[in-house]
Every structure is written in C-alpha cells, then in structure tokens.
Amino acid sequence: MPDMTIIQENLPLLIPLFLIQLVLMITALIHLLNHPNVKRGSKIMWIFIIVFVNTFGPIAYFLFGRSEE
C-alpha cells in the first residue's frame, strides 16, 4: 500500500496543478465545440488529445489545432 504521508505532504501542490489542468481541459473543449473549423485534424481527434493527453493535450490544441476564425 502506498505511503499516504507523501500524498498528504504534497497535497497543497497537487490541488492547484489539478485545478489548472481541469480548467485548461474544459476551456479547450468549449473552444473546440463552439468553433466550426479546426486547423489540423478532426474534432474527434482533438477531443481525444485534449482529454487523454492531460496537460499537454489542451496546450497542443491551442497552439496547433484551433483555427484563426
């Protein structure tokens, strides 16, 4: 069984990181669903990238996937 003291000690760092990741993911999904065009790939592909690649998926979408429209 994992040592829970490590998690408890790092909880003040983990909670803000989790919240940043969650807000970034939700923002990217809302932007993707509200805009008709994506620059590269399909919307389904970007949904999977945003959701399953954690922090780097939404960042990749904002850098490479969203269109300028």
PDB file of N, CA and C in Angstrom:
ATOM      1  N   MET A   1       0.844  -1.179   0.000  1.00  0.00           N
ATOM      2  CA  MET A   1       0.000   0.000   0.000  1.00  0.00           C
ATOM      3  C   MET A   1       0.888   1.241   0.000  1.00  0.00           C
ATOM      4  N   PRO A   2       0.527   2.262  -0.817  1.00  0.00           N
ATOM      5  CA  PRO A   2       1.387   3.452  -0.886  1.00  0.00           C
ATOM      6  C   PRO A   2       1.361   4.243   0.415  1.00  0.00           C
ATOM      7  N   ASP A   3       2.442   4.927   0.635  1.00  0.00           N
ATOM      8  CA  ASP A   3       2.573   5.741   1.836  1.00  0.00           C
ATOM      9  C   ASP A   3       1.756   7.022   1.659  1.00  0.00           C
ATOM     10  N   MET A   4       0.711   7.191   2.446  1.00  0.00           N
ATOM     11  CA  MET A   4      -0.209   8.320   2.314  1.00  0.00           C
ATOM     12  C   MET A   4       0.404   9.634   2.805  1.00  0.00           C
ATOM     13  N   THR A   5       1.466   9.560   3.585  1.00  0.00           N
ATOM     14  CA  THR A   5       2.065  10.802   4.078  1.00  0.00           C
ATOM     15  C   THR A   5       2.677  11.605   2.936  1.00  0.00           C
ATOM     16  N   ILE A   6       3.193  10.917   1.933  1.00  0.00           N
ATOM     17  CA  ILE A   6       3.764  11.614   0.778  1.00  0.00           C
ATOM     18  C   ILE A   6       2.675  12.403   0.056  1.00  0.00           C
ATOM     19  N   ILE A   7       1.525  11.773  -0.124  1.00  0.00           N
ATOM     20  CA  ILE A   7       0.411  12.455  -0.786  1.00  0.00           C
ATOM     21  C   ILE A   7      -0.077  13.616   0.072  1.00  0.00           C
ATOM     22  N   GLN A   8      -0.208  13.408   1.351  1.00  0.00           N
ATOM     23  CA  GLN A   8      -0.682  14.470   2.243  1.00  0.00           C
ATOM     24  C   GLN A   8       0.293  15.644   2.293  1.00  0.00           C
ATOM     25  N   GLU A   9       1.581  15.360   2.253  1.00  0.00           N
ATOM     26  CA  GLU A   9       2.583  16.422   2.280  1.00  0.00           C
ATOM     27  C   GLU A   9       2.548  17.247   0.995  1.00  0.00           C
ATOM     28  N   ASN A  10       2.268  16.603  -0.123  1.00  0.00           N
ATOM     29  CA  ASN A  10       2.286  17.277  -1.417  1.00  0.00           C
ATOM     30  C   ASN A  10       0.914  17.755  -1.876  1.00  0.00           C
ATOM     31  N   LEU A  11      -0.110  17.559  -1.092  1.00  0.00           N
ATOM     32  CA  LEU A  11      -1.460  17.965  -1.457  1.00  0.00           C
ATOM     33  C   LEU A  11      -1.582  19.457  -1.753  1.00  0.00           C
ATOM     34  N   PRO A  12      -0.930  20.351  -0.997  1.00  0.00           N
ATOM     35  CA  PRO A  12      -1.022  21.778  -1.345  1.00  0.00           C
ATOM     36  C   PRO A  12      -0.458  22.099  -2.736  1.00  0.00           C
ATOM     37  N   LEU A  13       0.440  21.289  -3.246  1.00  0.00           N
ATOM     38  CA  LEU A  13       0.975  21.476  -4.594  1.00  0.00           C
ATOM     39  C   LEU A  13       0.103  20.778  -5.637  1.00  0.00           C
ATOM     40  N   LEU A  14      -0.441  19.628  -5.288  1.00  0.00           N
ATOM     41  CA  LEU A  14      -1.211  18.836  -6.242  1.00  0.00           C
ATOM     42  C   LEU A  14      -2.579  19.443  -6.566  1.00  0.00           C
ATOM     43  N   ILE A  15      -3.237  20.025  -5.595  1.00  0.00           N
ATOM     44  CA  ILE A  15      -4.576  20.585  -5.828  1.00  0.00           C
ATOM     45  C   ILE A  15      -4.546  21.723  -6.846  1.00  0.00           C
ATOM     46  N   PRO A  16      -3.661  22.721  -6.727  1.00  0.00           N
ATOM     47  CA  PRO A  16      -3.632  23.766  -7.759  1.00  0.00           C
ATOM     48  C   PRO A  16      -3.262  23.237  -9.144  1.00  0.00           C
ATOM     49  N   LEU A  17      -2.344  22.274  -9.208  1.00  0.00           N
ATOM     50  CA  LEU A  17      -1.980  21.690 -10.502  1.00  0.00           C
ATOM     51  C   LEU A  17      -3.163  20.961 -11.127  1.00  0.00           C
ATOM     52  N   PHE A  18      -3.909  20.240 -10.325  1.00  0.00           N
ATOM     53  CA  PHE A  18      -5.090  19.550 -10.821  1.00  0.00           C
ATOM     54  C   PHE A  18      -6.131  20.548 -11.321  1.00  0.00           C
ATOM     55  N   LEU A  19      -6.351  21.621 -10.569  1.00  0.00           N
ATOM     56  CA  LEU A  19      -7.331  22.627 -10.977  1.00  0.00           C
ATOM     57  C   LEU A  19      -6.920  23.340 -12.260  1.00  0.00           C
ATOM     58  N   ILE A  20      -5.644  23.652 -12.410  1.00  0.00           N
ATOM     59  CA  ILE A  20      -5.148  24.273 -13.646  1.00  0.00           C
ATOM     60  C   ILE A  20      -5.368  23.335 -14.820  1.00  0.00           C
ATOM     61  N   GLN A  21      -5.054  22.070 -14.649  1.00  0.00           N
ATOM     62  CA  GLN A  21      -5.238  21.081 -15.700  1.00  0.00           C
ATOM     63  C   GLN A  21      -6.713  20.963 -16.071  1.00  0.00           C
ATOM     64  N   LEU A  22      -7.592  20.935 -15.095  1.00  0.00           N
ATOM     65  CA  LEU A  22      -9.020  20.807 -15.338  1.00  0.00           C
ATOM     66  C   LEU A  22      -9.576  22.027 -16.076  1.00  0.00           C
ATOM     67  N   VAL A  23      -9.198  23.222 -15.639  1.00  0.00           N
ATOM     68  CA  VAL A  23      -9.659  24.443 -16.303  1.00  0.00           C
ATOM     69  C   VAL A  23      -9.143  24.513 -17.734  1.00  0.00           C
ATOM     70  N   LEU A  24      -7.898  24.145 -17.944  1.00  0.00           N
ATOM     71  CA  LEU A  24      -7.319  24.141 -19.289  1.00  0.00           C
ATOM     72  C   LEU A  24      -8.056  23.170 -20.195  1.00  0.00           C
ATOM     73  N   MET A  25      -8.368  21.977 -19.690  1.00  0.00           N
ATOM     74  CA  MET A  25      -9.077  20.983 -20.482  1.00  0.00           C
ATOM     75  C   MET A  25     -10.491  21.458 -20.821  1.00  0.00           C
ATOM     76  N   ILE A  26     -11.205  21.983 -19.853  1.00  0.00           N
ATOM     77  CA  ILE A  26     -12.575  22.440 -20.092  1.00  0.00           C
ATOM     78  C   ILE A  26     -12.580  23.612 -21.071  1.00  0.00           C
ATOM     79  N   THR A  27     -11.655  24.550 -20.923  1.00  0.00           N
ATOM     80  CA  THR A  27     -11.567  25.693 -21.829  1.00  0.00           C
ATOM     81  C   THR A  27     -11.291  25.239 -23.259  1.00  0.00           C
ATOM     82  N   ALA A  28     -10.375  24.306 -23.420  1.00  0.00           N
ATOM     83  CA  ALA A  28     -10.059  23.807 -24.762  1.00  0.00           C
ATOM     84  C   ALA A  28     -11.250  23.076 -25.374  1.00  0.00           C
ATOM     85  N   LEU A  29     -11.954  22.272 -24.587  1.00  0.00           N
ATOM     86  CA  LEU A  29     -13.126  21.562 -25.114  1.00  0.00           C
ATOM     87  C   LEU A  29     -14.242  22.524 -25.496  1.00  0.00           C
ATOM     88  N   ILE A  30     -14.488  23.538 -24.681  1.00  0.00           N
ATOM     89  CA  ILE A  30     -15.517  24.527 -25.006  1.00  0.00           C
ATOM     90  C   ILE A  30     -15.154  25.265 -26.291  1.00  0.00           C
ATOM     91  N   HIS A  31     -13.899  25.669 -26.417  1.00  0.00           N
ATOM     92  CA  HIS A  31     -13.465  26.366 -27.621  1.00  0.00           C
ATOM     93  C   HIS A  31     -13.614  25.464 -28.842  1.00  0.00           C
ATOM     94  N   LEU A  32     -13.203  24.231 -28.714  1.00  0.00           N
ATOM     95  CA  LEU A  32     -13.287  23.285 -29.827  1.00  0.00           C
ATOM     96  C   LEU A  32     -14.733  23.068 -30.265  1.00  0.00           C
ATOM     97  N   LEU A  33     -15.633  22.896 -29.324  1.00  0.00           N
ATOM     98  CA  LEU A  33     -17.022  22.610 -29.662  1.00  0.00           C
ATOM     99  C   LEU A  33     -17.774  23.836 -30.171  1.00  0.00           C
ATOM    100  N   ASN A  34     -17.337  25.034 -29.814  1.00  0.00           N
ATOM    101  CA  ASN A  34     -18.010  26.250 -30.259  1.00  0.00           C
ATOM    102  C   ASN A  34     -17.526  26.784 -31.598  1.00  0.00           C
ATOM    103  N   HIS A  35     -16.409  26.290 -32.095  1.00  0.00           N
ATOM    104  CA  HIS A  35     -15.874  26.766 -33.366  1.00  0.00           C
ATOM    105  C   HIS A  35     -15.999  25.676 -34.422  1.00  0.00           C
ATOM    106  N   PRO A  36     -16.497  26.040 -35.600  1.00  0.00           N
ATOM    107  CA  PRO A  36     -16.796  25.021 -36.609  1.00  0.00           C
ATOM    108  C   PRO A  36     -15.564  24.398 -37.260  1.00  0.00           C
ATOM    109  N   ASN A  37     -14.463  25.111 -37.319  1.00  0.00           N
ATOM    110  CA  ASN A  37     -13.287  24.608 -38.033  1.00  0.00           C
ATOM    111  C   ASN A  37     -12.113  24.389 -37.086  1.00  0.00           C
ATOM    112  N   VAL A  38     -11.330  23.377 -37.406  1.00  0.00           N
ATOM    113  CA  VAL A  38     -10.055  23.175 -36.722  1.00  0.00           C
ATOM    114  C   VAL A  38      -8.966  23.235 -37.774  1.00  0.00           C
ATOM    115  N   LYS A  39      -7.786  23.655 -37.365  1.00  0.00           N
ATOM    116  CA  LYS A  39      -6.710  23.847 -38.323  1.00  0.00           C
ATOM    117  C   LYS A  39      -6.159  22.516 -38.846  1.00  0.00           C
ATOM    118  N   ARG A  40      -5.902  21.596 -37.959  1.00  0.00           N
ATOM    119  CA  ARG A  40      -5.321  20.294 -38.336  1.00  0.00           C
ATOM    120  C   ARG A  40      -6.139  19.186 -37.699  1.00  0.00           C
ATOM    121  N   GLY A  41      -6.463  18.171 -38.477  1.00  0.00           N
ATOM    122  CA  GLY A  41      -7.169  17.015 -37.941  1.00  0.00           C
ATOM    123  C   GLY A  41      -8.656  17.251 -37.798  1.00  0.00           C
ATOM    124  N   SER A  42      -9.313  16.310 -37.127  1.00  0.00           N
ATOM    125  CA  SER A  42     -10.760  16.390 -36.936  1.00  0.00           C
ATOM    126  C   SER A  42     -11.075  16.744 -35.487  1.00  0.00           C
ATOM    127  N   LYS A  43     -12.328  17.118 -35.250  1.00  0.00           N
ATOM    128  CA  LYS A  43     -12.742  17.451 -33.891  1.00  0.00           C
ATOM    129  C   LYS A  43     -12.641  16.235 -32.970  1.00  0.00           C
ATOM    130  N   ILE A  44     -13.003  15.068 -33.472  1.00  0.00           N
ATOM    131  CA  ILE A  44     -12.938  13.848 -32.658  1.00  0.00           C
ATOM    132  C   ILE A  44     -11.501  13.585 -32.211  1.00  0.00           C
ATOM    133  N   MET A  45     -10.561  13.744 -33.128  1.00  0.00           N
ATOM    134  CA  MET A  45      -9.153  13.534 -32.799  1.00  0.00           C
ATOM    135  C   MET A  45      -8.723  14.511 -31.702  1.00  0.00           C
ATOM    136  N   TRP A  46      -9.115  15.790 -31.830  1.00  0.00           N
ATOM    137  CA  TRP A  46      -8.722  16.787 -30.843  1.00  0.00           C
ATOM    138  C   TRP A  46      -9.389  16.554 -29.496  1.00  0.00           C
ATOM    139  N   ILE A  47     -10.616  16.056 -29.499  1.00  0.00           N
ATOM    140  CA  ILE A  47     -11.269  15.733 -28.225  1.00  0.00           C
ATOM    141  C   ILE A  47     -10.461  14.665 -27.482  1.00  0.00           C
ATOM    142  N   PHE A  48     -10.047  13.613 -28.195  1.00  0.00           N
ATOM    143  CA  PHE A  48      -9.245  12.565 -27.564  1.00  0.00           C
ATOM    144  C   PHE A  48      -7.903  13.111 -27.070  1.00  0.00           C
ATOM    145  N   ILE A  49      -7.271  13.954 -27.856  1.00  0.00           N
ATOM    146  CA  ILE A  49      -5.979  14.522 -27.448  1.00  0.00           C
ATOM    147  C   ILE A  49      -6.157  15.401 -26.213  1.00  0.00           C
ATOM    148  N   ILE A  50      -7.175  16.261 -26.227  1.00  0.00           N
ATOM    149  CA  ILE A  50      -7.396  17.171 -25.104  1.00  0.00           C
ATOM    150  C   ILE A  50      -7.677  16.393 -23.820  1.00  0.00           C
ATOM    151  N   VAL A  51      -8.503  15.357 -23.911  1.00  0.00           N
ATOM    152  CA  VAL A  51      -8.920  14.636 -22.710  1.00  0.00           C
ATOM    153  C   VAL A  51      -7.857  13.661 -22.215  1.00  0.00           C
ATOM    154  N   PHE A  52      -7.206  12.937 -23.122  1.00  0.00           N
ATOM    155  CA  PHE A  52      -6.333  11.849 -22.693  1.00  0.00           C
ATOM    156  C   PHE A  52      -4.849  12.189 -22.619  1.00  0.00           C
ATOM    157  N   VAL A  53      -4.430  13.312 -23.149  1.00  0.00           N
ATOM    158  CA  VAL A  53      -3.015  13.660 -23.079  1.00  0.00           C
ATOM    159  C   VAL A  53      -2.767  14.650 -21.944  1.00  0.00           C
ATOM    160  N   ASN A  54      -3.745  14.777 -21.060  1.00  0.00           N
ATOM    161  CA  ASN A  54      -3.658  15.611 -19.861  1.00  0.00           C
ATOM    162  C   ASN A  54      -3.259  17.043 -20.172  1.00  0.00           C
ATOM    163  N   THR A  55      -2.289  17.578 -19.506  1.00  0.00           N
ATOM    164  CA  THR A  55      -1.952  18.991 -19.616  1.00  0.00           C
ATOM    165  C   THR A  55      -1.467  19.370 -21.015  1.00  0.00           C
ATOM    166  N   PHE A  56      -0.730  18.504 -21.668  1.00  0.00           N
ATOM    167  CA  PHE A  56      -0.162  18.859 -22.952  1.00  0.00           C
ATOM    168  C   PHE A  56      -1.171  18.804 -24.099  1.00  0.00           C
ATOM    169  N   GLY A  57      -2.253  18.053 -23.947  1.00  0.00           N
ATOM    170  CA  GLY A  57      -3.286  17.984 -24.980  1.00  0.00           C
ATOM    171  C   GLY A  57      -3.973  19.313 -25.220  1.00  0.00           C
ATOM    172  N   PRO A  58      -4.496  19.973 -24.169  1.00  0.00           N
ATOM    173  CA  PRO A  58      -5.098  21.289 -24.381  1.00  0.00           C
ATOM    174  C   PRO A  58      -4.110  22.330 -24.898  1.00  0.00           C
ATOM    175  N   ILE A  59      -2.879  22.281 -24.411  1.00  0.00           N
ATOM    176  CA  ILE A  59      -1.867  23.230 -24.885  1.00  0.00           C
ATOM    177  C   ILE A  59      -1.588  22.986 -26.363  1.00  0.00           C
ATOM    178  N   ALA A  60      -1.485  21.730 -26.774  1.00  0.00           N
ATOM    179  CA  ALA A  60      -1.268  21.406 -28.186  1.00  0.00           C
ATOM    180  C   ALA A  60      -2.428  21.897 -29.037  1.00  0.00           C
ATOM    181  N   TYR A  61      -3.656  21.750 -28.535  1.00  0.00           N
ATOM    182  CA  TYR A  61      -4.815  22.236 -29.291  1.00  0.00           C
ATOM    183  C   TYR A  61      -4.731  23.742 -29.487  1.00  0.00           C
ATOM    184  N   PHE A  62      -4.447  24.482 -28.420  1.00  0.00           N
ATOM    185  CA  PHE A  62      -4.391  25.933 -28.543  1.00  0.00           C
ATOM    186  C   PHE A  62      -3.235  26.387 -29.440  1.00  0.00           C
ATOM    187  N   LEU A  63      -2.149  25.645 -29.465  1.00  0.00           N
ATOM    188  CA  LEU A  63      -1.012  26.024 -30.314  1.00  0.00           C
ATOM    189  C   LEU A  63      -1.180  25.587 -31.765  1.00  0.00           C
ATOM    190  N   PHE A  64      -1.701  24.374 -31.994  1.00  0.00           N
ATOM    191  CA  PHE A  64      -1.691  23.808 -33.326  1.00  0.00           C
ATOM    192  C   PHE A  64      -3.063  23.535 -33.937  1.00  0.00           C
ATOM    193  N   GLY A  65      -4.098  23.362 -33.128  1.00  0.00           N
ATOM    194  CA  GLY A  65      -5.353  22.884 -33.643  1.00  0.00           C
ATOM    195  C   GLY A  65      -6.423  23.917 -33.920  1.00  0.00           C
ATOM    196  N   ARG A  66      -6.442  24.985 -33.140  1.00  0.00           N
ATOM    197  CA  ARG A  66      -7.552  25.915 -33.324  1.00  0.00           C
ATOM    198  C   ARG A  66      -7.306  26.778 -34.555  1.00  0.00           C
ATOM    199  N   SER A  67      -8.401  27.098 -35.227  1.00  0.00           N
ATOM    200  CA  SER A  67      -8.297  27.937 -36.420  1.00  0.00           C
ATOM    201  C   SER A  67      -8.362  29.389 -36.003  1.00  0.00           C
ATOM    202  N   GLU A  68      -7.984  30.261 -36.889  1.00  0.00           N
ATOM    203  CA  GLU A  68      -7.925  31.686 -36.596  1.00  0.00           C
ATOM    204  C   GLU A  68      -9.281  32.367 -36.716  1.00  0.00           C
ATOM    205  N   GLU A  69     -10.312  31.619 -37.076  1.00  0.00           N
ATOM    206  CA  GLU A  69     -11.649  32.191 -37.281  1.00  0.00           C
ATOM    207  C   GLU A  69     -12.349  32.447 -36.001  1.00  0.00           C
TER     208      GLU A  69
END
